[in-house]
Protein backbone atom coordinates (compact mmCIF):
# COMPACT_ATOMS: atom_id res chain seq x y z
CA MET A 1 -12.37 2.47 -3.75
CA THR A 2 -11.41 -0.61 -5.70
CA GLY A 3 -7.97 -2.06 -6.15
CA LYS A 4 -5.71 -4.80 -4.95
CA VAL A 5 -3.74 -4.79 -1.71
CA LEU A 6 -0.08 -5.41 -2.48
CA GLU A 7 1.29 -5.04 1.05
CA ARG A 8 0.23 -4.12 4.61
CA PHE A 9 2.28 -2.21 7.16
CA PRO A 10 1.37 -1.67 10.83
CA ALA A 11 0.61 1.94 11.72
CA GLY A 12 2.92 1.73 14.73
CA ALA A 13 6.20 2.10 12.83
CA PRO A 14 8.98 3.96 14.67
CA ARG A 15 8.85 7.74 14.46
CA GLY A 16 10.34 8.99 11.20
CA SER A 17 9.89 5.60 9.53
CA TRP A 18 7.53 5.39 6.55
CA PRO A 19 7.71 1.78 5.33
CA ALA A 20 4.45 1.91 3.35
CA GLU A 21 5.52 5.07 1.52
CA GLU A 22 8.96 3.60 0.83
CA TYR A 23 7.42 0.41 -0.58
CA ALA A 24 5.01 2.45 -2.70
CA ALA A 25 7.88 4.57 -4.06
CA ALA A 26 9.75 1.40 -5.08
CA CYS A 27 6.61 0.13 -6.85
CA ARG A 28 6.17 3.45 -8.64
CA ALA A 29 9.81 3.36 -9.74
CA GLN A 30 8.98 0.05 -11.47
CA GLY A 31 6.02 1.66 -13.26
CA GLU A 32 3.21 0.42 -11.03
CA ARG A 33 0.32 2.75 -10.22
CA VAL A 34 -0.11 2.49 -6.45
CA THR A 35 -1.34 4.56 -3.56
CA VAL A 36 -1.08 4.30 0.22
CA VAL A 37 -4.30 4.25 2.25
CA MET A 38 -5.05 3.86 5.95
CA ASP A 39 -7.24 0.95 7.04
CA LEU A 40 -8.70 2.18 10.32
CA ARG A 41 -10.20 -1.19 11.27
CA SER A 42 -6.85 -2.97 11.23
CA ASP A 43 -4.76 0.11 12.15
CA ALA A 44 -2.51 -0.49 9.15
CA PHE A 45 -1.34 1.29 6.03
CA LEU A 46 -2.12 -0.53 2.79
CA VAL A 47 -0.27 -0.17 -0.49
CA VAL A 48 -2.99 -0.56 -3.10
CA ALA A 49 -2.59 -1.08 -6.85
CA GLU A 50 -5.23 0.48 -9.05
CA ALA A 51 -7.87 -1.86 -10.46
CA GLY A 52 -6.73 -3.59 -13.61
CA ASP A 53 -3.27 -4.58 -12.29
CA GLU A 54 -2.67 -8.30 -11.98
CA ASP A 55 -2.05 -10.28 -8.76
CA GLY A 56 -2.81 -9.20 -5.21
CA ARG A 57 -5.96 -9.49 -3.15
CA ALA A 58 -9.16 -7.64 -3.91
CA LEU A 59 -9.82 -4.74 -1.57
């Protein structure tokens, strides 16, 4: 998978809290094409923009 990491969220959020999904929804509302993926090595959820979007770090 290629893309750019826009934001990272620890997997240990309180029960019922979905900060990565909420951030992704806000990005989508602004017209960005993003998805949420789990990075098992760092135990974090990543909000990733599809390749071709500007800014962010390469995945």
